[in-house]
Amino acid sequence: PEGKPKHKVGDRVLGMSKISSGEMLEASVVKVREELNEIGVPVWEYFLRYKKWKPKWNEWILESHVFKCDTEGWELLKSINKVVLEERGAKAEAAKKAKQQQRQNQQQKQWQPQPQRE
């Protein structure tokens, strides 16, 4: 990557988590490394420890998904998390409707008259 990493070990940051479906979470930087992305371009990655999450959920996040804990970062967190939670709610509602439809289909099959044998 060009230049130095934007964040250093110990920094308090906001990370766009892969484990939480893109939700932004408060975290601290545990490690910093230079990696090659999928097209072979060097990028900075940060190993984040999320506040209020167990260490097993620590993860490597690209620099483009890590933001400062400042007013701008918190505003971004609010807007991104609102969208993520709305999408999560819509998916849950769709899954609930699909399950209800499946139950109705099963009930209809159970109550259909069976053809009589001669």
N, C-alpha and C. Protein backbone atom coordinates (compact mmCIF):
# COMPACT_ATOMS: atom_id res chain seq x y z
N PRO A 1 0.83 -1.20 0.00
CA PRO A 1 0.00 0.00 0.00
C PRO A 1 0.86 1.26 0.00
N GLU A 2 0.29 2.30 -0.48
CA GLU A 2 1.02 3.56 -0.49
C GLU A 2 0.96 4.18 0.90
N GLY A 3 2.08 4.62 1.40
CA GLY A 3 2.12 5.29 2.69
C GLY A 3 1.96 4.36 3.87
N LYS A 4 1.77 5.00 5.03
CA LYS A 4 1.64 4.26 6.28
C LYS A 4 0.17 3.90 6.53
N PRO A 5 -0.06 2.91 7.40
CA PRO A 5 -1.46 2.59 7.74
C PRO A 5 -2.11 3.78 8.46
N LYS A 6 -3.43 3.91 8.28
CA LYS A 6 -4.17 5.02 8.91
C LYS A 6 -4.31 4.83 10.42
N HIS A 7 -4.26 3.57 10.88
CA HIS A 7 -4.47 3.27 12.29
C HIS A 7 -3.30 2.46 12.81
N LYS A 8 -3.08 2.52 14.12
CA LYS A 8 -1.99 1.76 14.72
C LYS A 8 -2.52 0.88 15.86
N VAL A 9 -1.72 -0.07 16.28
CA VAL A 9 -2.11 -0.98 17.37
C VAL A 9 -2.51 -0.14 18.58
N GLY A 10 -3.66 -0.50 19.16
CA GLY A 10 -4.17 0.20 20.33
C GLY A 10 -5.20 1.27 20.01
N ASP A 11 -5.30 1.68 18.74
CA ASP A 11 -6.28 2.70 18.37
C ASP A 11 -7.70 2.19 18.58
N ARG A 12 -8.56 3.09 19.03
CA ARG A 12 -10.00 2.80 19.11
C ARG A 12 -10.59 3.19 17.77
N VAL A 13 -11.29 2.24 17.13
CA VAL A 13 -11.82 2.44 15.78
C VAL A 13 -13.25 1.91 15.67
N LEU A 14 -13.84 2.14 14.51
CA LEU A 14 -15.14 1.56 14.16
C LEU A 14 -14.89 0.65 12.97
N GLY A 15 -15.24 -0.61 13.09
CA GLY A 15 -14.99 -1.58 12.04
C GLY A 15 -16.27 -2.12 11.45
N MET A 16 -16.28 -2.24 10.13
CA MET A 16 -17.43 -2.82 9.43
C MET A 16 -17.25 -4.34 9.45
N SER A 17 -17.93 -4.98 10.36
CA SER A 17 -17.70 -6.38 10.68
C SER A 17 -18.25 -7.35 9.63
N LYS A 18 -17.43 -8.37 9.31
CA LYS A 18 -17.90 -9.45 8.44
C LYS A 18 -18.79 -10.41 9.24
N ILE A 19 -18.46 -10.59 10.52
CA ILE A 19 -19.21 -11.54 11.35
C ILE A 19 -20.60 -11.04 11.69
N SER A 20 -20.78 -9.73 11.59
CA SER A 20 -22.08 -9.15 11.94
C SER A 20 -22.77 -8.58 10.70
N SER A 21 -22.53 -9.20 9.56
CA SER A 21 -23.19 -8.85 8.29
C SER A 21 -23.05 -7.39 7.89
N GLY A 22 -21.87 -6.83 8.12
CA GLY A 22 -21.63 -5.46 7.68
C GLY A 22 -21.96 -4.39 8.70
N GLU A 23 -22.48 -4.80 9.86
CA GLU A 23 -22.78 -3.83 10.91
C GLU A 23 -21.47 -3.22 11.40
N MET A 24 -21.48 -1.94 11.71
CA MET A 24 -20.28 -1.30 12.24
C MET A 24 -20.26 -1.42 13.75
N LEU A 25 -19.09 -1.79 14.28
CA LEU A 25 -18.93 -2.01 15.71
C LEU A 25 -17.71 -1.28 16.22
N GLU A 26 -17.76 -0.86 17.46
CA GLU A 26 -16.60 -0.24 18.09
C GLU A 26 -15.56 -1.33 18.37
N ALA A 27 -14.30 -1.01 18.13
CA ALA A 27 -13.24 -2.01 18.28
C ALA A 27 -11.92 -1.33 18.63
N SER A 28 -10.95 -2.17 18.93
CA SER A 28 -9.58 -1.67 19.08
C SER A 28 -8.69 -2.48 18.13
N VAL A 29 -7.65 -1.82 17.63
CA VAL A 29 -6.72 -2.47 16.71
C VAL A 29 -5.74 -3.30 17.52
N VAL A 30 -5.67 -4.60 17.21
CA VAL A 30 -4.77 -5.52 17.90
C VAL A 30 -3.49 -5.73 17.09
N LYS A 31 -3.64 -5.84 15.76
CA LYS A 31 -2.49 -6.05 14.87
C LYS A 31 -2.73 -5.31 13.57
N VAL A 32 -1.63 -5.00 12.87
CA VAL A 32 -1.70 -4.37 11.55
C VAL A 32 -0.78 -5.18 10.63
N ARG A 33 -1.25 -5.44 9.40
CA ARG A 33 -0.41 -6.16 8.45
C ARG A 33 -0.67 -5.67 7.03
N GLU A 34 0.33 -5.91 6.20
CA GLU A 34 0.19 -5.61 4.77
C GLU A 34 -0.11 -6.92 4.06
N GLU A 35 -1.16 -6.93 3.25
CA GLU A 35 -1.58 -8.12 2.53
C GLU A 35 -1.85 -7.78 1.07
N LEU A 36 -1.93 -8.80 0.24
CA LEU A 36 -2.35 -8.60 -1.16
C LEU A 36 -3.83 -8.89 -1.26
N ASN A 37 -4.56 -7.98 -1.90
CA ASN A 37 -6.00 -8.24 -2.08
C ASN A 37 -6.21 -9.24 -3.21
N GLU A 38 -7.48 -9.49 -3.56
CA GLU A 38 -7.80 -10.52 -4.55
C GLU A 38 -7.22 -10.27 -5.94
N ILE A 39 -6.85 -9.03 -6.24
CA ILE A 39 -6.25 -8.75 -7.56
C ILE A 39 -4.75 -8.47 -7.46
N GLY A 40 -4.17 -8.80 -6.28
CA GLY A 40 -2.73 -8.70 -6.12
C GLY A 40 -2.20 -7.33 -5.74
N VAL A 41 -3.07 -6.43 -5.33
CA VAL A 41 -2.64 -5.09 -4.93
C VAL A 41 -2.42 -5.08 -3.41
N PRO A 42 -1.29 -4.51 -2.95
CA PRO A 42 -1.05 -4.47 -1.51
C PRO A 42 -2.04 -3.55 -0.79
N VAL A 43 -2.55 -4.02 0.35
CA VAL A 43 -3.50 -3.25 1.16
C VAL A 43 -3.17 -3.45 2.64
N TRP A 44 -3.61 -2.50 3.47
CA TRP A 44 -3.46 -2.65 4.92
C TRP A 44 -4.68 -3.37 5.46
N GLU A 45 -4.42 -4.27 6.42
CA GLU A 45 -5.50 -4.95 7.13
C GLU A 45 -5.26 -4.78 8.63
N TYR A 46 -6.37 -4.79 9.36
CA TYR A 46 -6.32 -4.62 10.81
C TYR A 46 -7.03 -5.78 11.49
N PHE A 47 -6.38 -6.32 12.50
CA PHE A 47 -7.01 -7.36 13.31
C PHE A 47 -7.72 -6.64 14.44
N LEU A 48 -9.05 -6.71 14.42
CA LEU A 48 -9.86 -5.94 15.36
C LEU A 48 -10.42 -6.80 16.49
N ARG A 49 -10.43 -6.20 17.66
CA ARG A 49 -11.06 -6.79 18.85
C ARG A 49 -12.29 -5.92 19.14
N TYR A 50 -13.48 -6.50 18.91
CA TYR A 50 -14.71 -5.75 19.05
C TYR A 50 -15.11 -5.59 20.52
N LYS A 51 -15.49 -4.37 20.88
CA LYS A 51 -15.94 -4.07 22.24
C LYS A 51 -17.22 -4.87 22.51
N LYS A 52 -17.29 -5.50 23.67
CA LYS A 52 -18.45 -6.29 24.13
C LYS A 52 -18.62 -7.61 23.36
N TRP A 53 -17.63 -8.02 22.57
CA TRP A 53 -17.68 -9.31 21.86
C TRP A 53 -16.54 -10.17 22.40
N LYS A 54 -16.76 -11.46 22.45
CA LYS A 54 -15.72 -12.38 22.90
C LYS A 54 -14.56 -12.37 21.91
N PRO A 55 -13.35 -12.65 22.40
CA PRO A 55 -12.17 -12.65 21.51
C PRO A 55 -12.27 -13.60 20.32
N LYS A 56 -13.10 -14.64 20.42
CA LYS A 56 -13.22 -15.57 19.29
C LYS A 56 -13.77 -14.86 18.05
N TRP A 57 -14.38 -13.68 18.23
CA TRP A 57 -14.94 -12.93 17.10
C TRP A 57 -13.98 -11.89 16.54
N ASN A 58 -12.75 -11.82 17.07
CA ASN A 58 -11.75 -10.93 16.49
C ASN A 58 -11.57 -11.31 15.02
N GLU A 59 -11.31 -10.32 14.17
CA GLU A 59 -11.16 -10.64 12.74
C GLU A 59 -10.30 -9.61 12.03
N TRP A 60 -9.76 -10.04 10.87
CA TRP A 60 -8.99 -9.15 9.99
C TRP A 60 -9.97 -8.38 9.10
N ILE A 61 -9.79 -7.06 9.05
CA ILE A 61 -10.66 -6.19 8.26
C ILE A 61 -9.78 -5.29 7.39
N LEU A 62 -10.20 -5.10 6.14
CA LEU A 62 -9.48 -4.19 5.24
C LEU A 62 -9.54 -2.76 5.75
N GLU A 63 -8.50 -2.00 5.45
CA GLU A 63 -8.44 -0.61 5.89
C GLU A 63 -9.65 0.20 5.41
N SER A 64 -10.16 -0.14 4.24
CA SER A 64 -11.31 0.59 3.70
C SER A 64 -12.59 0.38 4.52
N HIS A 65 -12.57 -0.58 5.45
CA HIS A 65 -13.73 -0.87 6.29
C HIS A 65 -13.48 -0.52 7.77
N VAL A 66 -12.43 0.26 8.01
CA VAL A 66 -12.09 0.68 9.37
C VAL A 66 -12.08 2.21 9.40
N PHE A 67 -12.76 2.77 10.42
CA PHE A 67 -12.94 4.23 10.48
C PHE A 67 -12.56 4.75 11.86
N LYS A 68 -12.20 6.03 11.90
CA LYS A 68 -11.86 6.68 13.16
C LYS A 68 -13.09 6.78 14.05
N CYS A 69 -12.85 6.77 15.36
CA CYS A 69 -13.92 6.99 16.34
C CYS A 69 -14.05 8.50 16.55
N ASP A 70 -14.56 9.17 15.56
CA ASP A 70 -14.81 10.61 15.67
C ASP A 70 -16.26 10.87 15.30
N THR A 71 -16.66 12.12 15.30
CA THR A 71 -18.05 12.47 15.01
C THR A 71 -18.49 11.92 13.66
N GLU A 72 -17.65 12.07 12.67
CA GLU A 72 -17.97 11.57 11.32
C GLU A 72 -18.12 10.05 11.32
N GLY A 73 -17.22 9.37 12.01
CA GLY A 73 -17.29 7.91 12.10
C GLY A 73 -18.56 7.43 12.77
N TRP A 74 -18.94 8.10 13.87
CA TRP A 74 -20.15 7.70 14.59
C TRP A 74 -21.41 7.96 13.76
N GLU A 75 -21.41 9.05 12.98
CA GLU A 75 -22.55 9.31 12.10
C GLU A 75 -22.66 8.23 11.02
N LEU A 76 -21.50 7.83 10.49
CA LEU A 76 -21.48 6.75 9.49
C LEU A 76 -21.99 5.46 10.11
N LEU A 77 -21.54 5.16 11.34
CA LEU A 77 -21.99 3.96 12.04
C LEU A 77 -23.52 3.95 12.16
N LYS A 78 -24.10 5.08 12.59
CA LYS A 78 -25.55 5.16 12.75
C LYS A 78 -26.28 4.87 11.43
N SER A 79 -25.82 5.49 10.35
CA SER A 79 -26.52 5.31 9.06
C SER A 79 -26.33 3.90 8.50
N ILE A 80 -25.12 3.36 8.60
CA ILE A 80 -24.87 2.00 8.09
C ILE A 80 -25.64 0.98 8.91
N ASN A 81 -25.59 1.10 10.24
CA ASN A 81 -26.27 0.12 11.09
C ASN A 81 -27.78 0.18 10.92
N LYS A 82 -28.31 1.35 10.64
CA LYS A 82 -29.75 1.46 10.38
C LYS A 82 -30.13 0.63 9.16
N VAL A 83 -29.34 0.75 8.09
CA VAL A 83 -29.61 -0.01 6.86
C VAL A 83 -29.44 -1.51 7.11
N VAL A 84 -28.36 -1.88 7.79
CA VAL A 84 -28.09 -3.30 8.08
C VAL A 84 -29.24 -3.90 8.88
N LEU A 85 -29.70 -3.18 9.90
CA LEU A 85 -30.78 -3.70 10.75
C LEU A 85 -32.10 -3.77 9.99
N GLU A 86 -32.35 -2.80 9.11
CA GLU A 86 -33.56 -2.85 8.28
C GLU A 86 -33.52 -4.06 7.35
N GLU A 87 -32.36 -4.30 6.73
CA GLU A 87 -32.20 -5.47 5.84
C GLU A 87 -32.38 -6.76 6.62
N ARG A 88 -31.79 -6.80 7.81
CA ARG A 88 -31.90 -8.00 8.66
C ARG A 88 -33.37 -8.25 9.01
N GLY A 89 -34.11 -7.19 9.33
CA GLY A 89 -35.52 -7.31 9.66
C GLY A 89 -36.33 -7.78 8.46
N ALA A 90 -36.01 -7.24 7.27
CA ALA A 90 -36.72 -7.64 6.05
C ALA A 90 -36.45 -9.11 5.73
N LYS A 91 -35.21 -9.55 5.92
CA LYS A 91 -34.88 -10.96 5.67
C LYS A 91 -35.61 -11.87 6.65
N ALA A 92 -35.67 -11.45 7.91
CA ALA A 92 -36.36 -12.25 8.93
C ALA A 92 -37.85 -12.34 8.62
N GLU A 93 -38.43 -11.24 8.18
CA GLU A 93 -39.85 -11.22 7.83
C GLU A 93 -40.12 -12.12 6.62
N ALA A 94 -39.24 -12.05 5.61
CA ALA A 94 -39.40 -12.89 4.43
C ALA A 94 -39.28 -14.37 4.79
N ALA A 95 -38.33 -14.70 5.67
CA ALA A 95 -38.17 -16.09 6.11
C ALA A 95 -39.39 -16.56 6.88
N LYS A 96 -39.95 -15.69 7.70
CA LYS A 96 -41.15 -16.03 8.47
C LYS A 96 -42.33 -16.30 7.54
N LYS A 97 -42.50 -15.45 6.52
CA LYS A 97 -43.59 -15.64 5.55
C LYS A 97 -43.40 -16.92 4.76
N ALA A 98 -42.16 -17.21 4.37
CA ALA A 98 -41.88 -18.44 3.62
C ALA A 98 -42.21 -19.67 4.46
N LYS A 99 -41.87 -19.62 5.74
CA LYS A 99 -42.15 -20.74 6.63
C LYS A 99 -43.67 -20.92 6.80
N GLN A 100 -44.40 -19.81 6.94
CA GLN A 100 -45.86 -19.88 7.06
C GLN A 100 -46.47 -20.47 5.79
N GLN A 101 -45.97 -20.07 4.64
CA GLN A 101 -46.49 -20.58 3.37
C GLN A 101 -46.20 -22.08 3.25
N GLN A 102 -45.05 -22.49 3.69
CA GLN A 102 -44.69 -23.90 3.65
C GLN A 102 -45.64 -24.71 4.54
N ARG A 103 -45.94 -24.19 5.74
CA ARG A 103 -46.88 -24.87 6.64
C ARG A 103 -48.27 -24.97 6.01
N GLN A 104 -48.72 -23.89 5.39
CA GLN A 104 -50.04 -23.89 4.75
C GLN A 104 -50.08 -24.93 3.63
N ASN A 105 -49.02 -24.99 2.83
CA ASN A 105 -48.95 -25.97 1.74
C ASN A 105 -49.01 -27.39 2.29
N GLN A 106 -48.31 -27.64 3.38
CA GLN A 106 -48.31 -28.98 3.99
C GLN A 106 -49.71 -29.32 4.52
N GLN A 107 -50.36 -28.33 5.14
CA GLN A 107 -51.70 -28.57 5.67
C GLN A 107 -52.69 -28.86 4.54
N GLN A 108 -52.57 -28.14 3.43
CA GLN A 108 -53.47 -28.37 2.30
C GLN A 108 -53.27 -29.77 1.74
N LYS A 109 -52.04 -30.23 1.67
CA LYS A 109 -51.77 -31.58 1.17
C LYS A 109 -52.39 -32.63 2.09
N GLN A 110 -52.33 -32.38 3.38
CA GLN A 110 -52.87 -33.33 4.35
C GLN A 110 -54.39 -33.43 4.25
N TRP A 111 -55.05 -32.36 3.91
CA TRP A 111 -56.52 -32.33 3.90
C TRP A 111 -57.14 -32.59 2.55
N GLN A 112 -56.33 -32.79 1.54
CA GLN A 112 -56.88 -33.09 0.22
C GLN A 112 -57.47 -34.50 0.23
N PRO A 113 -58.66 -34.66 -0.33
CA PRO A 113 -59.27 -36.00 -0.35
C PRO A 113 -58.42 -36.94 -1.22
N GLN A 114 -58.28 -38.14 -0.73
CA GLN A 114 -57.51 -39.15 -1.46
C GLN A 114 -58.43 -39.81 -2.49
N PRO A 115 -57.92 -40.08 -3.67
CA PRO A 115 -58.77 -40.77 -4.70
C PRO A 115 -59.16 -42.16 -4.19
N GLN A 116 -60.40 -42.50 -4.44
CA GLN A 116 -60.90 -43.81 -3.98
C GLN A 116 -60.51 -44.88 -4.99
N ARG A 117 -60.19 -46.03 -4.44
CA ARG A 117 -59.80 -47.15 -5.29
C ARG A 117 -61.06 -47.96 -5.62
N GLU A 118 -61.09 -48.49 -6.76
CA GLU A 118 -62.25 -49.32 -7.17
C GLU A 118 -61.95 -50.78 -7.00
